[in-house]
Structure formats: structure tokens, C-alpha cells
Amino acid sequence: MLKNKIFLGFLLLCGLFAACEKRKEYDPETQLQIDIAKIKKYVADSNIRNVVNDPSGMSYVILAQGTDPKPILSDSIYVYYKAKVVGARSTFQEVPITKPISLKLDTLIKGWRIGLPMIGKGGQIRMIIPSTLAYMDFQDGTSIPPFSVLDYTVTLVDINYKKPK
């Protein structure tokens, strides 16, 4: 009985120490360099061709240019896409071609706000997005771990252009 109490006390003490551990401060510059190295390796290992490295750290391939005009941040877009975490075997989210969704471009992750204005209606882009342009160190219990590099293939079905006032 005494052994059980001592063991339980020890476990509680370990839990307290673990809870008091300071979380490392997020350093976007350091994380971006780590992510860029992951992206380069992923591109090479996956044999992805015609990759463009954006100054932001994102890499992309325009698979279909689409038609002009291209969307601007204030527009809503209709898309279907497939998304996976780099290094994972399966997708974490997929919007099928038969059910495109409407999204407001200026509310999306930075990687999408950089990449989607590069293509027009009917265009398709593959974006390999560093965590610094995605969900950073955010932990919300979803299937996307913190510091994840993401691989999106997005088709821009239509654009709802914001009319000037």
C-alpha cells in the first residue's frame, strides 16, 4: 500500500515538472530554414519537376496557368484540392472535383495567398508550403502536427471577383 502511494506521488511529481516545462519560443527565421531543407529533400526524393522556389520559402509548380484575370486577395475563389503533410503517406484533406468549395482568399493561410493569385480560372498549382506560411507551431488536435510542411495541389474552378464600390 505504501509502495503504491509513493509510486503515485512520484508520478504526480513528474507530471508537475512536465507541466512546468517552458515551451520554446517560436522562431520563424530558424523554422523557415529547417522547412526549406525539408522542402528541397522532399522535391528531390519525390522527383517533382519544374519547381519554382519563391522568395517566401514556398516552392510551387504551375500545372495549368488558367485564364486571366487572376484572383486578388479580396476575391472569393471556388476550388478543389488535395492536401498532405510532407512525409505522410496519405492526404489529410481532400475536396473532390465534384464538390468545389468557396473560400475567401484573404482569410486563407499565407501560402495560398501567395500561390493562388499566380493562376487564373481553370488553373492548377502544386504548392509545397513551409510551416511559417501555414499553421506554424499551432497545435489544435487535428491531423496536422505543429511545424508541418504542407503539399497542396489546388485547382481554381472559378473566381467571384469583388466589385469596386
N, C-alpha and C. Protein backbone atom coordinates (compact mmCIF):
# COMPACT_ATOMS: atom_id res chain seq x y z
N MET A 1 0.82 -1.19 0.00
CA MET A 1 0.00 0.00 0.00
C MET A 1 0.87 1.26 0.00
N LEU A 2 1.89 1.26 0.88
CA LEU A 2 2.79 2.40 0.95
C LEU A 2 3.56 2.57 -0.36
N LYS A 3 3.95 1.44 -0.97
CA LYS A 3 4.65 1.49 -2.26
C LYS A 3 3.77 2.13 -3.33
N ASN A 4 2.50 1.79 -3.31
CA ASN A 4 1.57 2.38 -4.28
C ASN A 4 1.45 3.89 -4.11
N LYS A 5 1.39 4.35 -2.84
CA LYS A 5 1.29 5.78 -2.56
C LYS A 5 2.56 6.50 -3.00
N ILE A 6 3.70 5.91 -2.73
CA ILE A 6 4.97 6.52 -3.13
C ILE A 6 5.04 6.58 -4.66
N PHE A 7 4.67 5.50 -5.31
CA PHE A 7 4.68 5.46 -6.77
C PHE A 7 3.73 6.51 -7.34
N LEU A 8 2.53 6.63 -6.78
CA LEU A 8 1.55 7.62 -7.24
C LEU A 8 2.07 9.03 -7.02
N GLY A 9 2.68 9.26 -5.86
CA GLY A 9 3.27 10.57 -5.57
C GLY A 9 4.37 10.92 -6.56
N PHE A 10 5.19 9.92 -6.89
CA PHE A 10 6.26 10.12 -7.87
C PHE A 10 5.69 10.49 -9.24
N LEU A 11 4.64 9.79 -9.66
CA LEU A 11 4.00 10.10 -10.94
C LEU A 11 3.43 11.51 -10.96
N LEU A 12 2.79 11.91 -9.86
CA LEU A 12 2.24 13.27 -9.79
C LEU A 12 3.34 14.31 -9.85
N LEU A 13 4.43 14.06 -9.17
CA LEU A 13 5.57 14.97 -9.18
C LEU A 13 6.15 15.10 -10.59
N CYS A 14 6.29 13.98 -11.28
CA CYS A 14 6.78 14.01 -12.67
C CYS A 14 5.83 14.81 -13.56
N GLY A 15 4.54 14.63 -13.35
CA GLY A 15 3.55 15.38 -14.13
C GLY A 15 3.65 16.87 -13.88
N LEU A 16 3.88 17.26 -12.63
CA LEU A 16 4.04 18.69 -12.32
C LEU A 16 5.26 19.27 -13.01
N PHE A 17 6.38 18.56 -12.97
CA PHE A 17 7.59 19.04 -13.63
C PHE A 17 7.39 19.16 -15.14
N ALA A 18 6.71 18.20 -15.71
CA ALA A 18 6.46 18.24 -17.16
C ALA A 18 5.55 19.40 -17.51
N ALA A 19 4.57 19.69 -16.67
CA ALA A 19 3.65 20.79 -16.94
C ALA A 19 4.33 22.14 -16.80
N CYS A 20 5.35 22.21 -15.98
CA CYS A 20 6.05 23.48 -15.75
C CYS A 20 7.12 23.76 -16.79
N GLU A 21 7.39 22.79 -17.65
CA GLU A 21 8.43 22.97 -18.66
C GLU A 21 8.04 24.12 -19.58
N LYS A 22 8.97 25.05 -19.77
CA LYS A 22 8.69 26.18 -20.64
C LYS A 22 8.68 25.73 -22.10
N ARG A 23 7.72 26.24 -22.81
CA ARG A 23 7.63 25.94 -24.23
C ARG A 23 8.62 26.83 -24.97
N LYS A 24 9.31 26.24 -25.93
CA LYS A 24 10.27 27.02 -26.70
C LYS A 24 9.53 28.09 -27.47
N GLU A 25 10.14 29.26 -27.54
CA GLU A 25 9.54 30.36 -28.30
C GLU A 25 9.69 30.06 -29.79
N TYR A 26 8.65 30.34 -30.53
CA TYR A 26 8.65 30.08 -31.97
C TYR A 26 9.56 31.08 -32.65
N ASP A 27 10.54 30.59 -33.40
CA ASP A 27 11.47 31.44 -34.14
C ASP A 27 11.24 31.20 -35.63
N PRO A 28 10.50 32.11 -36.29
CA PRO A 28 10.15 31.87 -37.69
C PRO A 28 11.36 31.80 -38.64
N GLU A 29 12.40 32.55 -38.38
CA GLU A 29 13.58 32.52 -39.25
C GLU A 29 14.26 31.16 -39.22
N THR A 30 14.49 30.65 -38.02
CA THR A 30 15.12 29.34 -37.87
C THR A 30 14.22 28.25 -38.44
N GLN A 31 12.92 28.33 -38.13
CA GLN A 31 11.99 27.32 -38.63
C GLN A 31 11.92 27.33 -40.15
N LEU A 32 11.97 28.53 -40.76
CA LEU A 32 11.93 28.61 -42.22
C LEU A 32 13.13 27.89 -42.83
N GLN A 33 14.31 28.04 -42.25
CA GLN A 33 15.49 27.36 -42.79
C GLN A 33 15.35 25.84 -42.67
N ILE A 34 14.78 25.38 -41.57
CA ILE A 34 14.53 23.94 -41.39
C ILE A 34 13.54 23.46 -42.45
N ASP A 35 12.46 24.24 -42.64
CA ASP A 35 11.42 23.87 -43.61
C ASP A 35 11.94 23.87 -45.04
N ILE A 36 12.77 24.84 -45.39
CA ILE A 36 13.33 24.90 -46.74
C ILE A 36 14.17 23.65 -47.02
N ALA A 37 14.94 23.22 -46.03
CA ALA A 37 15.74 22.00 -46.19
C ALA A 37 14.82 20.79 -46.39
N LYS A 38 13.71 20.72 -45.64
CA LYS A 38 12.74 19.63 -45.80
C LYS A 38 12.13 19.66 -47.20
N ILE A 39 11.80 20.86 -47.66
CA ILE A 39 11.17 21.01 -48.98
C ILE A 39 12.14 20.55 -50.08
N LYS A 40 13.39 20.97 -50.00
CA LYS A 40 14.38 20.57 -51.01
C LYS A 40 14.53 19.06 -51.07
N LYS A 41 14.60 18.43 -49.91
CA LYS A 41 14.73 16.97 -49.85
C LYS A 41 13.47 16.31 -50.41
N TYR A 42 12.31 16.80 -50.03
CA TYR A 42 11.04 16.24 -50.49
C TYR A 42 10.91 16.35 -52.01
N VAL A 43 11.26 17.49 -52.56
CA VAL A 43 11.19 17.70 -54.01
C VAL A 43 12.12 16.73 -54.72
N ALA A 44 13.34 16.59 -54.21
CA ALA A 44 14.31 15.68 -54.82
C ALA A 44 13.86 14.23 -54.70
N ASP A 45 13.44 13.83 -53.50
CA ASP A 45 13.02 12.45 -53.26
C ASP A 45 11.76 12.08 -54.05
N SER A 46 10.88 13.06 -54.25
CA SER A 46 9.61 12.82 -54.96
C SER A 46 9.73 13.03 -56.46
N ASN A 47 10.92 13.47 -56.90
CA ASN A 47 11.18 13.71 -58.31
C ASN A 47 10.16 14.68 -58.92
N ILE A 48 9.89 15.76 -58.21
CA ILE A 48 8.96 16.79 -58.69
C ILE A 48 9.74 17.71 -59.63
N ARG A 49 9.23 17.89 -60.82
CA ARG A 49 9.92 18.67 -61.86
C ARG A 49 9.38 20.09 -61.96
N ASN A 50 10.20 20.98 -62.53
CA ASN A 50 9.84 22.36 -62.83
C ASN A 50 9.43 23.16 -61.60
N VAL A 51 10.07 22.90 -60.48
CA VAL A 51 9.75 23.58 -59.23
C VAL A 51 10.35 24.98 -59.23
N VAL A 52 9.54 25.94 -58.81
CA VAL A 52 9.98 27.33 -58.64
C VAL A 52 10.06 27.59 -57.15
N ASN A 53 11.17 28.16 -56.71
CA ASN A 53 11.36 28.50 -55.30
C ASN A 53 11.05 29.97 -55.10
N ASP A 54 9.94 30.26 -54.44
CA ASP A 54 9.52 31.62 -54.18
C ASP A 54 10.40 32.22 -53.07
N PRO A 55 10.66 33.53 -53.11
CA PRO A 55 11.46 34.16 -52.05
C PRO A 55 10.87 33.97 -50.64
N SER A 56 9.58 33.70 -50.56
CA SER A 56 8.92 33.49 -49.27
C SER A 56 9.35 32.18 -48.60
N GLY A 57 9.91 31.25 -49.38
CA GLY A 57 10.26 29.94 -48.88
C GLY A 57 9.39 28.84 -49.44
N MET A 58 8.26 29.22 -50.04
CA MET A 58 7.37 28.24 -50.65
C MET A 58 7.93 27.80 -51.99
N SER A 59 7.71 26.55 -52.34
CA SER A 59 8.06 26.04 -53.66
C SER A 59 6.76 25.68 -54.36
N TYR A 60 6.73 25.85 -55.67
CA TYR A 60 5.49 25.58 -56.40
C TYR A 60 5.76 25.17 -57.83
N VAL A 61 4.75 24.52 -58.41
CA VAL A 61 4.75 24.18 -59.82
C VAL A 61 3.39 24.58 -60.35
N ILE A 62 3.37 25.41 -61.39
CA ILE A 62 2.11 25.75 -62.03
C ILE A 62 1.83 24.64 -63.05
N LEU A 63 0.79 23.86 -62.78
CA LEU A 63 0.43 22.72 -63.62
C LEU A 63 -0.44 23.15 -64.79
N ALA A 64 -1.25 24.19 -64.59
CA ALA A 64 -2.08 24.78 -65.65
C ALA A 64 -2.25 26.25 -65.28
N GLN A 65 -1.99 27.13 -66.23
CA GLN A 65 -2.00 28.56 -65.95
C GLN A 65 -3.40 29.12 -65.73
N GLY A 66 -4.40 28.60 -66.44
CA GLY A 66 -5.75 29.16 -66.33
C GLY A 66 -5.88 30.42 -67.15
N THR A 67 -7.03 31.05 -67.06
CA THR A 67 -7.30 32.25 -67.86
C THR A 67 -7.29 33.50 -66.98
N ASP A 68 -6.96 34.62 -67.59
CA ASP A 68 -6.97 35.91 -66.88
C ASP A 68 -8.40 36.42 -66.80
N PRO A 69 -8.72 37.28 -65.88
CA PRO A 69 -7.84 37.82 -64.84
C PRO A 69 -7.66 36.84 -63.70
N LYS A 70 -6.59 37.05 -62.96
CA LYS A 70 -6.27 36.20 -61.81
C LYS A 70 -6.95 36.80 -60.57
N PRO A 71 -7.14 35.98 -59.54
CA PRO A 71 -7.79 36.50 -58.34
C PRO A 71 -6.88 37.45 -57.56
N ILE A 72 -7.52 38.35 -56.84
CA ILE A 72 -6.80 39.21 -55.90
C ILE A 72 -7.30 38.84 -54.50
N LEU A 73 -6.61 39.32 -53.49
CA LEU A 73 -6.91 38.89 -52.12
C LEU A 73 -8.34 39.13 -51.69
N SER A 74 -9.00 40.14 -52.20
CA SER A 74 -10.37 40.42 -51.76
C SER A 74 -11.41 39.53 -52.43
N ASP A 75 -11.00 38.71 -53.39
CA ASP A 75 -11.93 37.84 -54.12
C ASP A 75 -12.24 36.56 -53.34
N SER A 76 -13.38 35.98 -53.67
CA SER A 76 -13.70 34.62 -53.21
C SER A 76 -13.35 33.68 -54.35
N ILE A 77 -12.88 32.50 -54.00
CA ILE A 77 -12.48 31.54 -55.02
C ILE A 77 -13.22 30.23 -54.81
N TYR A 78 -13.43 29.49 -55.87
CA TYR A 78 -14.01 28.16 -55.83
C TYR A 78 -12.92 27.19 -56.23
N VAL A 79 -12.64 26.25 -55.35
CA VAL A 79 -11.51 25.34 -55.58
C VAL A 79 -11.87 23.91 -55.19
N TYR A 80 -11.10 23.01 -55.74
CA TYR A 80 -10.99 21.67 -55.17
C TYR A 80 -9.52 21.40 -55.02
N TYR A 81 -9.18 20.56 -54.06
CA TYR A 81 -7.76 20.35 -53.78
C TYR A 81 -7.53 19.05 -53.02
N LYS A 82 -6.25 18.72 -52.97
CA LYS A 82 -5.77 17.57 -52.20
C LYS A 82 -4.60 18.09 -51.36
N ALA A 83 -4.59 17.71 -50.07
CA ALA A 83 -3.56 18.21 -49.18
C ALA A 83 -2.95 17.09 -48.36
N LYS A 84 -1.63 17.16 -48.20
CA LYS A 84 -0.96 16.20 -47.34
C LYS A 84 0.19 16.87 -46.62
N VAL A 85 0.54 16.30 -45.49
CA VAL A 85 1.71 16.74 -44.75
C VAL A 85 2.91 16.06 -45.40
N VAL A 86 3.94 16.84 -45.68
CA VAL A 86 5.15 16.28 -46.28
C VAL A 86 5.69 15.20 -45.35
N GLY A 87 5.92 14.04 -45.92
CA GLY A 87 6.40 12.90 -45.16
C GLY A 87 5.30 11.92 -44.79
N ALA A 88 4.05 12.34 -44.91
CA ALA A 88 2.93 11.44 -44.60
C ALA A 88 2.57 10.65 -45.86
N ARG A 89 2.02 9.49 -45.66
CA ARG A 89 1.65 8.63 -46.80
C ARG A 89 0.29 9.00 -47.39
N SER A 90 -0.59 9.53 -46.58
CA SER A 90 -1.95 9.80 -47.08
C SER A 90 -2.30 11.28 -46.93
N THR A 91 -3.37 11.66 -47.61
CA THR A 91 -3.83 13.04 -47.54
C THR A 91 -4.54 13.28 -46.21
N PHE A 92 -4.49 14.54 -45.73
CA PHE A 92 -5.23 14.87 -44.53
C PHE A 92 -6.53 15.56 -44.88
N GLN A 93 -6.64 16.04 -46.12
CA GLN A 93 -7.89 16.67 -46.54
C GLN A 93 -7.97 16.65 -48.06
N GLU A 94 -9.19 16.43 -48.54
CA GLU A 94 -9.40 16.43 -49.99
C GLU A 94 -10.80 16.95 -50.27
N VAL A 95 -10.86 17.91 -51.18
CA VAL A 95 -12.13 18.42 -51.67
C VAL A 95 -12.26 17.88 -53.09
N PRO A 96 -13.28 17.05 -53.35
CA PRO A 96 -13.38 16.40 -54.66
C PRO A 96 -13.79 17.37 -55.77
N ILE A 97 -13.43 16.98 -56.98
CA ILE A 97 -13.73 17.77 -58.16
C ILE A 97 -15.23 18.01 -58.32
N THR A 98 -16.04 17.10 -57.83
CA THR A 98 -17.50 17.22 -57.97
C THR A 98 -18.12 18.17 -56.96
N LYS A 99 -17.34 18.57 -55.94
CA LYS A 99 -17.88 19.45 -54.90
C LYS A 99 -16.91 20.55 -54.52
N PRO A 100 -16.57 21.45 -55.47
CA PRO A 100 -15.63 22.53 -55.11
C PRO A 100 -16.23 23.41 -54.02
N ILE A 101 -15.36 24.00 -53.23
CA ILE A 101 -15.82 24.85 -52.14
C ILE A 101 -15.44 26.30 -52.40
N SER A 102 -16.18 27.20 -51.78
CA SER A 102 -15.93 28.64 -51.88
C SER A 102 -15.12 29.08 -50.67
N LEU A 103 -14.06 29.82 -50.91
CA LEU A 103 -13.20 30.34 -49.85
C LEU A 103 -12.87 31.79 -50.14
N LYS A 104 -12.74 32.58 -49.11
CA LYS A 104 -12.31 33.98 -49.28
C LYS A 104 -10.79 33.98 -49.22
N LEU A 105 -10.17 34.42 -50.30
CA LEU A 105 -8.71 34.30 -50.44
C LEU A 105 -7.95 34.98 -49.30
N ASP A 106 -8.40 36.14 -48.85
CA ASP A 106 -7.64 36.86 -47.83
C ASP A 106 -7.76 36.25 -46.44
N THR A 107 -8.53 35.18 -46.28
CA THR A 107 -8.65 34.53 -44.97
C THR A 107 -7.85 33.23 -44.89
N LEU A 108 -7.22 32.86 -45.98
CA LEU A 108 -6.51 31.58 -46.06
C LEU A 108 -5.07 31.71 -45.58
N ILE A 109 -4.40 30.56 -45.41
CA ILE A 109 -3.01 30.59 -44.97
C ILE A 109 -2.15 31.38 -45.97
N LYS A 110 -1.05 31.91 -45.50
CA LYS A 110 -0.19 32.76 -46.33
C LYS A 110 0.25 32.08 -47.62
N GLY A 111 0.55 30.80 -47.55
CA GLY A 111 0.98 30.07 -48.74
C GLY A 111 -0.05 30.14 -49.86
N TRP A 112 -1.32 29.99 -49.51
CA TRP A 112 -2.40 30.09 -50.51
C TRP A 112 -2.51 31.52 -51.02
N ARG A 113 -2.35 32.50 -50.15
CA ARG A 113 -2.46 33.91 -50.57
C ARG A 113 -1.33 34.30 -51.51
N ILE A 114 -0.20 33.60 -51.42
CA ILE A 114 0.91 33.83 -52.35
C ILE A 114 0.68 33.06 -53.65
N GLY A 115 0.29 31.81 -53.56
CA GLY A 115 0.23 30.94 -54.72
C GLY A 115 -0.98 31.11 -55.62
N LEU A 116 -2.17 31.23 -55.05
CA LEU A 116 -3.39 31.25 -55.88
C LEU A 116 -3.47 32.45 -56.83
N PRO A 117 -2.98 33.64 -56.47
CA PRO A 117 -3.00 34.74 -57.44
C PRO A 117 -2.07 34.54 -58.64
N MET A 118 -1.30 33.46 -58.66
CA MET A 118 -0.42 33.18 -59.79
C MET A 118 -1.15 32.47 -60.93
N ILE A 119 -2.34 31.94 -60.64
CA ILE A 119 -3.10 31.22 -61.66
C ILE A 119 -4.47 31.86 -61.84
N GLY A 120 -5.07 31.61 -63.00
CA GLY A 120 -6.40 32.11 -63.27
C GLY A 120 -7.43 31.00 -63.22
N LYS A 121 -8.63 31.36 -63.60
CA LYS A 121 -9.74 30.40 -63.62
C LYS A 121 -9.36 29.20 -64.47
N GLY A 122 -9.57 28.00 -63.92
CA GLY A 122 -9.19 26.77 -64.61
C GLY A 122 -7.75 26.36 -64.38
N GLY A 123 -7.00 27.18 -63.67
CA GLY A 123 -5.59 26.88 -63.41
C GLY A 123 -5.42 25.89 -62.28
N GLN A 124 -4.22 25.31 -62.25
CA GLN A 124 -3.90 24.35 -61.19
C GLN A 124 -2.47 24.59 -60.74
N ILE A 125 -2.27 24.56 -59.44
CA ILE A 125 -0.95 24.80 -58.86
C ILE A 125 -0.67 23.78 -57.76
N ARG A 126 0.57 23.34 -57.70
CA ARG A 126 1.02 22.50 -56.59
C ARG A 126 1.93 23.37 -55.74
N MET A 127 1.58 23.50 -54.48
CA MET A 127 2.34 24.36 -53.57
C MET A 127 2.89 23.51 -52.43
N ILE A 128 4.18 23.63 -52.19
CA ILE A 128 4.80 22.98 -51.05
C ILE A 128 5.14 24.12 -50.09
N ILE A 129 4.36 24.17 -49.03
CA ILE A 129 4.30 25.35 -48.17
C ILE A 129 5.01 25.10 -46.84
N PRO A 130 6.00 25.94 -46.51
CA PRO A 130 6.67 25.78 -45.21
C PRO A 130 5.70 26.12 -44.07
N SER A 131 5.99 25.59 -42.90
CA SER A 131 5.12 25.82 -41.75
C SER A 131 4.97 27.31 -41.45
N THR A 132 5.98 28.10 -41.76
CA THR A 132 5.93 29.54 -41.49
C THR A 132 4.88 30.24 -42.34
N LEU A 133 4.45 29.62 -43.44
CA LEU A 133 3.40 30.19 -44.29
C LEU A 133 2.10 29.39 -44.17
N ALA A 134 2.08 28.48 -43.19
CA ALA A 134 0.89 27.63 -43.00
C ALA A 134 0.41 27.79 -41.56
N TYR A 135 0.54 26.74 -40.76
CA TYR A 135 -0.01 26.75 -39.41
C TYR A 135 1.04 26.90 -38.32
N MET A 136 2.28 27.19 -38.71
CA MET A 136 3.40 27.42 -37.80
C MET A 136 3.49 26.34 -36.72
N ASP A 137 3.49 26.76 -35.46
CA ASP A 137 3.59 25.81 -34.35
C ASP A 137 2.23 25.54 -33.72
N PHE A 138 1.17 25.92 -34.41
CA PHE A 138 -0.19 25.79 -33.88
C PHE A 138 -0.54 24.34 -33.63
N GLN A 139 -1.08 24.07 -32.47
CA GLN A 139 -1.50 22.72 -32.10
C GLN A 139 -2.98 22.76 -31.74
N ASP A 140 -3.79 22.11 -32.56
CA ASP A 140 -5.23 22.13 -32.28
C ASP A 140 -5.84 20.73 -32.23
N GLY A 141 -4.99 19.72 -32.20
CA GLY A 141 -5.51 18.36 -32.10
C GLY A 141 -5.98 17.78 -33.43
N THR A 142 -5.72 18.48 -34.53
CA THR A 142 -6.09 17.93 -35.84
C THR A 142 -5.01 16.99 -36.32
N SER A 143 -5.16 16.54 -37.55
CA SER A 143 -4.16 15.62 -38.12
C SER A 143 -2.94 16.36 -38.65
N ILE A 144 -2.88 17.67 -38.48
CA ILE A 144 -1.72 18.45 -38.91
C ILE A 144 -0.86 18.75 -37.69
N PRO A 145 0.30 18.11 -37.59
CA PRO A 145 1.17 18.39 -36.44
C PRO A 145 1.78 19.79 -36.53
N PRO A 146 2.24 20.34 -35.40
CA PRO A 146 2.92 21.64 -35.46
C PRO A 146 4.18 21.53 -36.32
N PHE A 147 4.58 22.64 -36.91
CA PHE A 147 5.77 22.76 -37.75
C PHE A 147 5.69 21.90 -39.02
N SER A 148 4.49 21.66 -39.53
CA SER A 148 4.33 20.81 -40.71
C SER A 148 4.53 21.58 -42.01
N VAL A 149 5.28 20.98 -42.91
CA VAL A 149 5.38 21.45 -44.29
C VAL A 149 4.24 20.76 -45.04
N LEU A 150 3.47 21.53 -45.80
CA LEU A 150 2.27 21.01 -46.46
C LEU A 150 2.41 20.99 -47.97
N ASP A 151 1.82 19.99 -48.58
CA ASP A 151 1.84 19.82 -50.04
C ASP A 151 0.38 19.87 -50.52
N TYR A 152 0.05 20.97 -51.19
CA TYR A 152 -1.31 21.17 -51.72
C TYR A 152 -1.27 21.16 -53.24
N THR A 153 -2.22 20.46 -53.85
CA THR A 153 -2.48 20.60 -55.28
C THR A 153 -3.88 21.17 -55.38
N VAL A 154 -3.97 22.40 -55.91
CA VAL A 154 -5.23 23.15 -55.92
C VAL A 154 -5.63 23.49 -57.35
N THR A 155 -6.89 23.26 -57.66
CA THR A 155 -7.45 23.67 -58.95
C THR A 155 -8.42 24.80 -58.68
N LEU A 156 -8.22 25.91 -59.37
CA LEU A 156 -9.06 27.10 -59.25
C LEU A 156 -10.19 26.98 -60.25
N VAL A 157 -11.37 26.61 -59.77
CA VAL A 157 -12.53 26.36 -60.62
C VAL A 157 -13.15 27.67 -61.11
N ASP A 158 -13.30 28.62 -60.19
CA ASP A 158 -13.95 29.88 -60.55
C ASP A 158 -13.54 30.95 -59.55
N ILE A 159 -13.79 32.19 -59.93
CA ILE A 159 -13.45 33.34 -59.09
C ILE A 159 -14.68 34.23 -59.00
N ASN A 160 -15.02 34.62 -57.78
CA ASN A 160 -16.08 35.60 -57.57
C ASN A 160 -15.36 36.92 -57.32
N TYR A 161 -15.21 37.70 -58.39
CA TYR A 161 -14.44 38.95 -58.30
C TYR A 161 -15.19 39.97 -57.45
N LYS A 162 -14.48 40.59 -56.54
CA LYS A 162 -15.07 41.62 -55.71
C LYS A 162 -15.26 42.86 -56.57
N LYS A 163 -16.46 43.35 -56.59
CA LYS A 163 -16.77 44.53 -57.40
C LYS A 163 -16.33 45.79 -56.64
N PRO A 164 -15.70 46.76 -57.35
CA PRO A 164 -15.30 48.01 -56.68
C PRO A 164 -16.55 48.79 -56.24
N LYS A 165 -16.44 49.48 -55.12
CA LYS A 165 -17.59 50.24 -54.60
C LYS A 165 -17.72 51.57 -55.29
